[in-house]
Amino acid sequence: MKTKHLAFSQRGAALLLAMLIMTLVTTLAAGMVWQQWRAIQVEAAERGRTQAAWILVGALDWARLILREDQRENNRTNPPVDHLGEPWAVPLAEARLSSFLAADRDNNSVAENDSLDAFLSGSITDAQSRWNLRRLSLIDPATGKPAQAELKVLQNLCNLAGATGDCADRIASALAKTQAPAGSGSVAAISPQQLSQLAWLGIDADTIKRLEPWVDILPEPTEVNLNTAPAEVIAAAVDGVSLGYAQRLVQDRQRTPIRDLNAPATRAYFPGNAQQTQIPGISLTSRFFYIQGRLRLEERVLEERSLVERNQQMEVKVRSRERVNLREGIDALLV
């Protein structure tokens, strides 16, 4: 009897041990399968990011080519102008990426053979359509001090934006901290490269948000393009021009772009500047542009915003790039 009970106990222990071993093996196998699946997912995500990065680089080069050809046309025109009726100002609506690719030798469309569900859209905007805060660094040759006229423009924009009364003085003081006097031995604050970075200098988010449609920070002082700027920027930047006159100018330039600042038809918009041969801070051409590219690749959506500078030699240089991944956050890359 005892022998049978002992044998039964041994069989039960063996069965329990076998079940434990099977459970352990199953757990280890499941862990290995999960790790392999995870590795495949990471590899697929990395491959998707790499593909998207190359596609956005191609879109950036395409936009640079458009700006280069526009500069070629400007070099043939006297005087050159940049306005919203030119090809660069027409945004690209979302379209399937394969529609931009050529057919093969057998005259088969790539779209028929391409299983990649990718859509591309983008736009080019004039960075000089907004007032540049770098103009606060300009020096008045008569006094040797910062130009008060530029501070007045910023104050006008703050008033139009409904910001606090000391908005202009606070921004000017904050930017002054980024320019330590030579030989002073003091360390200057980090100079912001984008409007949002004014928060580094203590400017509140509400003020930045109110000024964002009309104010920008570019690498160097620039003039406002009269053919692309909104009415509020024109009214603030040109002394003696009311918002009503500026709105009328914006409406009229949709039919006929301004090509000569000294033409009587143009001077009619600026009654307070009739005696001036030049209007300070105003031009009809632009050197800085923003290129916005958006790629929808399967379930991933990425955007990239680049600031480029164009010169008369038709060189279009990338000054900064900001890549935005709408699913995984924001990653800024300065070139």
Protein backbone atom coordinates (compact mmCIF):
# COMPACT_ATOMS: atom_id res chain seq x y z
CA MET A 1 0.00 0.00 0.00
CA LYS A 2 2.81 2.33 0.91
CA THR A 3 4.62 1.41 -2.28
CA LYS A 4 1.60 2.29 -4.41
CA HIS A 5 1.16 5.60 -2.55
CA LEU A 6 4.85 6.43 -3.05
CA ALA A 7 4.64 5.63 -6.76
CA PHE A 8 1.55 7.81 -7.08
CA SER A 9 3.32 10.69 -5.32
CA GLN A 10 6.34 10.34 -7.61
CA ARG A 11 4.13 10.39 -10.69
CA GLY A 12 2.35 13.50 -9.36
CA ALA A 13 5.67 15.23 -8.67
CA ALA A 14 6.92 14.33 -12.13
CA LEU A 15 3.73 15.65 -13.71
CA LEU A 16 3.97 18.88 -11.71
CA LEU A 17 7.61 19.28 -12.69
CA ALA A 18 6.72 18.72 -16.34
CA MET A 19 4.00 21.35 -16.12
CA LEU A 20 6.42 23.81 -14.52
CA ILE A 21 9.00 23.13 -17.24
CA MET A 22 6.35 23.58 -19.95
CA THR A 23 5.22 26.83 -18.37
CA LEU A 24 8.80 28.08 -18.22
CA VAL A 25 9.48 27.09 -21.83
CA THR A 26 6.23 28.74 -22.96
CA THR A 27 7.10 31.94 -21.08
CA LEU A 28 10.59 32.03 -22.56
CA ALA A 29 9.25 31.37 -26.05
CA ALA A 30 6.60 34.08 -25.68
CA GLY A 31 9.27 36.51 -24.49
CA MET A 32 11.47 35.69 -27.46
CA VAL A 33 8.55 36.12 -29.85
CA TRP A 34 7.66 39.48 -28.27
CA GLN A 35 11.26 40.68 -28.48
CA GLN A 36 11.42 39.66 -32.14
CA TRP A 37 8.11 41.40 -32.86
CA ARG A 38 9.34 44.49 -31.04
CA ALA A 39 12.56 44.51 -33.05
CA ILE A 40 10.58 44.26 -36.28
CA GLN A 41 8.34 47.15 -35.21
CA VAL A 42 11.34 49.33 -34.30
CA GLU A 43 13.01 48.52 -37.60
CA ALA A 44 9.83 49.34 -39.53
CA ALA A 45 9.43 52.64 -37.67
CA GLU A 46 13.07 53.56 -38.32
CA ARG A 47 12.72 52.66 -41.98
CA GLY A 48 9.58 54.80 -42.19
CA ARG A 49 11.34 57.77 -40.59
CA THR A 50 14.29 57.40 -42.94
CA GLN A 51 12.02 57.23 -45.99
CA ALA A 52 10.05 60.27 -44.81
CA ALA A 53 13.26 62.22 -44.17
CA TRP A 54 14.54 61.59 -47.69
CA ILE A 55 11.18 62.45 -49.24
CA LEU A 56 11.04 65.74 -47.32
CA VAL A 57 14.60 66.54 -48.38
CA GLY A 58 13.52 66.00 -51.98
CA ALA A 59 10.51 68.27 -51.46
CA LEU A 60 12.81 70.94 -50.02
CA ASP A 61 15.11 70.70 -53.06
CA TRP A 62 12.09 70.98 -55.34
CA ALA A 63 10.94 74.16 -53.58
CA ARG A 64 14.47 75.59 -53.77
CA LEU A 65 14.41 74.97 -57.52
CA ILE A 66 11.15 76.93 -57.80
CA LEU A 67 12.69 79.87 -55.91
CA ARG A 68 15.83 79.66 -58.04
CA GLU A 69 13.82 79.90 -61.24
CA ASP A 70 11.86 82.81 -59.82
CA GLN A 71 15.14 84.62 -59.11
CA ARG A 72 16.22 83.95 -62.70
CA GLU A 73 13.06 85.73 -63.84
CA ASN A 74 13.73 88.57 -61.40
CA ASN A 75 17.19 89.05 -62.88
CA ARG A 76 15.57 89.61 -66.27
CA THR A 77 13.05 92.13 -64.90
CA ASN A 78 13.75 95.77 -64.12
CA PRO A 79 12.88 96.45 -61.40
CA PRO A 80 12.55 92.94 -59.90
CA VAL A 81 9.54 92.22 -57.69
CA ASP A 82 8.24 89.33 -55.62
CA HIS A 83 4.47 89.10 -55.23
CA LEU A 84 1.72 86.61 -54.39
CA GLY A 85 0.81 86.01 -58.03
CA GLU A 86 4.06 84.16 -58.77
CA PRO A 87 4.34 80.34 -58.98
CA TRP A 88 6.21 80.02 -55.67
CA ALA A 89 3.21 81.48 -53.80
CA VAL A 90 0.81 78.75 -55.00
CA PRO A 91 0.55 76.04 -52.30
CA LEU A 92 0.71 72.37 -53.20
CA ALA A 93 -2.48 70.57 -52.19
CA GLU A 94 -2.11 67.06 -50.81
CA ALA A 95 -1.40 64.62 -53.62
CA ARG A 96 -0.20 61.03 -53.85
CA LEU A 97 3.56 60.95 -54.02
CA SER A 98 3.62 58.50 -56.93
CA SER A 99 1.81 61.07 -59.10
CA PHE A 100 5.02 63.13 -59.15
CA LEU A 101 7.12 60.27 -60.50
CA ALA A 102 7.66 59.46 -64.16
CA ALA A 103 6.42 56.39 -65.97
CA ASP A 104 8.82 53.57 -66.75
CA ARG A 105 10.04 52.52 -70.20
CA ASP A 106 6.98 50.35 -70.74
CA ASN A 107 4.81 53.42 -70.13
CA ASN A 108 3.48 51.98 -66.87
CA SER A 109 2.67 54.49 -64.19
CA VAL A 110 4.59 54.10 -60.96
CA ALA A 111 1.28 54.45 -59.11
CA GLU A 112 0.21 51.06 -60.51
CA ASN A 113 3.27 49.33 -59.05
CA ASP A 114 3.75 51.34 -55.88
CA SER A 115 2.07 50.02 -52.78
CA LEU A 116 3.41 52.80 -50.55
CA ASP A 117 0.53 54.96 -49.36
CA ALA A 118 2.32 58.34 -49.22
CA PHE A 119 0.85 61.80 -49.75
CA LEU A 120 2.77 65.07 -50.03
CA SER A 121 1.69 68.69 -49.59
CA GLY A 122 3.49 71.96 -48.92
CA SER A 123 3.81 75.68 -49.42
CA ILE A 124 6.32 78.51 -49.76
CA THR A 125 5.70 81.71 -47.82
CA ASP A 126 7.55 84.99 -47.82
CA ALA A 127 9.38 85.41 -44.51
CA GLN A 128 9.65 89.15 -45.23
CA SER A 129 5.90 89.54 -45.24
CA ARG A 130 6.23 90.02 -41.48
CA TRP A 131 8.16 92.65 -39.55
CA ASN A 132 11.60 91.45 -38.48
CA LEU A 133 12.60 92.00 -34.84
CA ARG A 134 16.23 92.16 -35.96
CA ARG A 135 15.50 95.72 -37.07
CA LEU A 136 15.62 96.72 -33.41
CA SER A 137 19.40 96.32 -33.68
CA LEU A 138 19.67 99.05 -36.33
CA ILE A 139 21.51 102.19 -35.21
CA ASP A 140 20.38 105.72 -36.01
CA PRO A 141 23.40 107.36 -37.73
CA ALA A 142 22.40 110.78 -36.38
CA THR A 143 22.42 109.79 -32.71
CA GLY A 144 24.49 106.60 -32.66
CA LYS A 145 21.72 104.93 -30.64
CA PRO A 146 19.11 102.30 -31.51
CA ALA A 147 16.65 103.71 -34.05
CA GLN A 148 13.51 104.90 -32.27
CA ALA A 149 11.55 104.58 -35.52
CA GLU A 150 11.92 100.77 -35.35
CA LEU A 151 10.75 100.70 -31.74
CA LYS A 152 7.73 102.75 -32.82
CA VAL A 153 6.87 100.16 -35.48
CA LEU A 154 6.93 97.41 -32.87
CA GLN A 155 4.76 99.50 -30.57
CA ASN A 156 2.25 99.97 -33.41
CA LEU A 157 2.13 96.22 -33.95
CA CYS A 158 1.67 95.58 -30.23
CA ASN A 159 -1.25 98.03 -30.22
CA LEU A 160 -2.86 96.37 -33.23
CA ALA A 161 -2.39 92.95 -31.63
CA GLY A 162 -3.99 94.08 -28.37
CA ALA A 163 -0.86 93.31 -26.33
CA THR A 164 0.00 95.11 -23.09
CA GLY A 165 1.17 98.71 -23.26
CA ASP A 166 4.81 97.95 -22.38
CA CYS A 167 5.01 95.11 -24.92
CA ALA A 168 7.50 96.85 -27.24
CA ASP A 169 9.76 98.05 -24.42
CA ARG A 170 9.87 94.59 -22.84
CA ILE A 171 10.82 92.91 -26.12
CA ALA A 172 13.42 95.56 -26.96
CA SER A 173 14.98 95.26 -23.49
CA ALA A 174 15.01 91.47 -23.72
CA LEU A 175 16.74 91.50 -27.11
CA ALA A 176 19.24 94.08 -25.87
CA LYS A 177 20.43 91.50 -23.32
CA THR A 178 21.60 89.31 -26.21
CA GLN A 179 24.08 91.98 -27.34
CA ALA A 180 26.79 92.48 -24.71
CA PRO A 181 28.89 95.64 -25.33
CA ALA A 182 32.38 94.98 -26.65
CA GLY A 183 34.99 94.96 -23.90
CA SER A 184 32.38 94.94 -21.13
CA GLY A 185 33.37 91.47 -19.93
CA SER A 186 29.71 90.53 -19.50
CA VAL A 187 28.15 87.45 -21.10
CA ALA A 188 25.22 88.08 -23.45
CA ALA A 189 22.04 86.03 -23.24
CA ILE A 190 21.38 83.44 -25.94
CA SER A 191 19.94 85.18 -28.99
CA PRO A 192 16.58 83.71 -30.08
CA GLN A 193 16.36 82.35 -33.61
CA GLN A 194 12.57 81.99 -33.67
CA LEU A 195 9.74 84.08 -32.29
CA SER A 196 8.70 81.33 -29.85
CA GLN A 197 12.17 81.48 -28.30
CA LEU A 198 11.42 84.94 -26.88
CA ALA A 199 10.12 82.92 -23.95
CA TRP A 200 13.79 82.34 -23.06
CA LEU A 201 14.04 86.06 -22.39
CA GLY A 202 10.95 86.28 -20.22
CA ILE A 203 8.34 87.29 -22.80
CA ASP A 204 4.99 85.71 -21.92
CA ALA A 205 3.28 83.21 -24.23
CA ASP A 206 0.19 85.40 -24.73
CA THR A 207 2.25 88.28 -26.15
CA ILE A 208 4.14 85.92 -28.47
CA LYS A 209 0.90 84.37 -29.72
CA ARG A 210 -0.66 87.78 -30.44
CA LEU A 211 2.37 89.01 -32.41
CA GLU A 212 3.04 85.75 -34.28
CA PRO A 213 0.97 86.59 -37.43
CA TRP A 214 2.84 89.87 -37.97
CA VAL A 215 6.31 89.56 -36.39
CA ASP A 216 9.25 87.25 -37.00
CA ILE A 217 12.95 86.85 -36.20
CA LEU A 218 15.26 86.39 -39.20
CA PRO A 219 19.05 85.96 -39.18
CA GLU A 220 19.64 89.62 -40.10
CA PRO A 221 17.67 92.89 -40.42
CA THR A 222 15.37 92.82 -43.45
CA GLU A 223 12.77 95.06 -45.06
CA VAL A 224 9.06 94.33 -45.33
CA ASN A 225 7.87 93.27 -48.78
CA LEU A 226 4.99 95.56 -49.71
CA ASN A 227 3.60 92.98 -52.15
CA THR A 228 3.23 90.18 -49.57
CA ALA A 229 2.78 91.85 -46.17
CA PRO A 230 -0.66 91.95 -44.50
CA ALA A 231 -2.39 95.29 -44.01
CA GLU A 232 -1.54 95.43 -40.29
CA VAL A 233 2.20 95.14 -40.95
CA ILE A 234 2.07 97.81 -43.66
CA ALA A 235 0.12 100.22 -41.45
CA ALA A 236 2.59 99.72 -38.59
CA ALA A 237 5.77 99.84 -40.67
CA VAL A 238 5.01 102.90 -42.82
CA ASP A 239 4.72 106.10 -40.86
CA GLY A 240 1.52 108.03 -41.49
CA VAL A 241 -0.38 105.18 -43.19
CA SER A 242 -3.72 104.23 -41.69
CA LEU A 243 -5.04 100.70 -41.55
CA GLY A 244 -7.73 101.67 -44.06
CA TYR A 245 -5.16 102.79 -46.66
CA ALA A 246 -3.17 99.61 -46.05
CA GLN A 247 -6.24 97.41 -46.54
CA ARG A 248 -7.03 99.20 -49.79
CA LEU A 249 -3.46 98.57 -50.98
CA VAL A 250 -3.76 94.86 -50.17
CA GLN A 251 -6.97 94.60 -52.17
CA ASP A 252 -5.57 96.47 -55.18
CA ARG A 253 -2.30 94.54 -55.34
CA GLN A 254 -4.27 91.31 -55.89
CA ARG A 255 -5.09 92.64 -59.35
CA THR A 256 -1.85 94.51 -60.06
CA PRO A 257 1.32 93.96 -58.00
CA ILE A 258 3.28 97.06 -56.99
CA ARG A 259 6.34 97.43 -59.21
CA ASP A 260 7.57 100.94 -58.40
CA LEU A 261 7.51 102.56 -54.96
CA ASN A 262 7.85 106.02 -56.50
CA ALA A 263 5.01 105.65 -59.02
CA PRO A 264 2.15 108.13 -58.44
CA ALA A 265 -0.34 105.29 -58.13
CA THR A 266 1.74 103.77 -55.34
CA ARG A 267 2.34 107.08 -53.57
CA ALA A 268 -1.41 107.59 -53.37
CA TYR A 269 -1.49 104.94 -50.67
CA PHE A 270 1.07 106.86 -48.60
CA PRO A 271 -0.15 110.46 -48.39
CA GLY A 272 2.12 111.19 -45.42
CA ASN A 273 5.26 110.19 -47.36
CA ALA A 274 4.68 112.09 -50.59
CA GLN A 275 7.89 114.12 -50.23
CA GLN A 276 10.16 111.13 -49.55
CA THR A 277 12.05 109.46 -52.38
CA GLN A 278 12.34 106.25 -50.34
CA ILE A 279 10.17 104.64 -47.69
CA PRO A 280 12.37 103.23 -44.89
CA GLY A 281 11.97 99.57 -44.11
CA ILE A 282 9.95 98.78 -47.27
CA SER A 283 10.92 96.90 -50.43
CA LEU A 284 9.33 94.97 -53.28
CA THR A 285 11.61 91.92 -53.25
CA SER A 286 12.43 89.22 -50.71
CA ARG A 287 15.47 87.14 -49.84
CA PHE A 288 14.10 84.93 -47.04
CA PHE A 289 11.36 82.35 -47.49
CA TYR A 290 9.78 79.58 -45.41
CA ILE A 291 9.29 76.20 -47.05
CA GLN A 292 6.68 74.01 -45.39
CA GLY A 293 6.52 70.32 -46.34
CA ARG A 294 3.99 67.79 -45.03
CA LEU A 295 4.20 64.05 -45.65
CA ARG A 296 1.49 61.54 -44.76
CA LEU A 297 3.13 58.13 -44.90
CA GLU A 298 0.67 55.38 -43.99
CA GLU A 299 -0.28 56.13 -40.36
CA ARG A 300 2.60 58.56 -39.77
CA VAL A 301 2.34 62.29 -40.48
CA LEU A 302 5.46 64.47 -40.52
CA GLU A 303 6.03 68.13 -41.25
CA GLU A 304 9.21 70.05 -41.91
CA ARG A 305 9.64 73.83 -41.94
CA SER A 306 12.78 75.32 -43.45
CA LEU A 307 14.04 78.89 -43.65
CA VAL A 308 15.99 79.56 -46.85
CA GLU A 309 17.89 82.58 -48.11
CA ARG A 310 18.05 83.44 -51.82
CA ASN A 311 20.54 85.79 -53.46
CA GLN A 312 20.89 87.38 -56.89
CA GLN A 313 23.30 84.63 -57.97
CA MET A 314 20.29 82.24 -57.71
CA GLU A 315 21.78 80.43 -54.72
CA VAL A 316 19.12 79.22 -52.27
CA LYS A 317 20.77 78.34 -48.95
CA VAL A 318 19.03 76.55 -46.11
CA ARG A 319 19.45 78.62 -42.94
CA SER A 320 17.42 76.46 -40.56
CA ARG A 321 15.22 73.37 -40.54
CA GLU A 322 12.57 72.38 -38.04
CA ARG A 323 11.12 68.91 -38.29
CA VAL A 324 7.77 68.24 -36.67
CA ASN A 325 6.52 64.70 -36.08
CA LEU A 326 2.84 65.03 -35.23
CA ARG A 327 2.73 61.61 -33.58
CA GLU A 328 5.97 61.61 -31.64
CA GLY A 329 6.63 65.27 -30.77
CA ILE A 330 8.84 68.03 -32.10
CA ASP A 331 12.49 67.84 -33.06
CA ALA A 332 14.23 71.07 -34.11
CA LEU A 333 17.38 70.88 -36.21
CA LEU A 334 19.39 74.06 -36.85
CA VAL A 335 21.64 73.89 -39.87
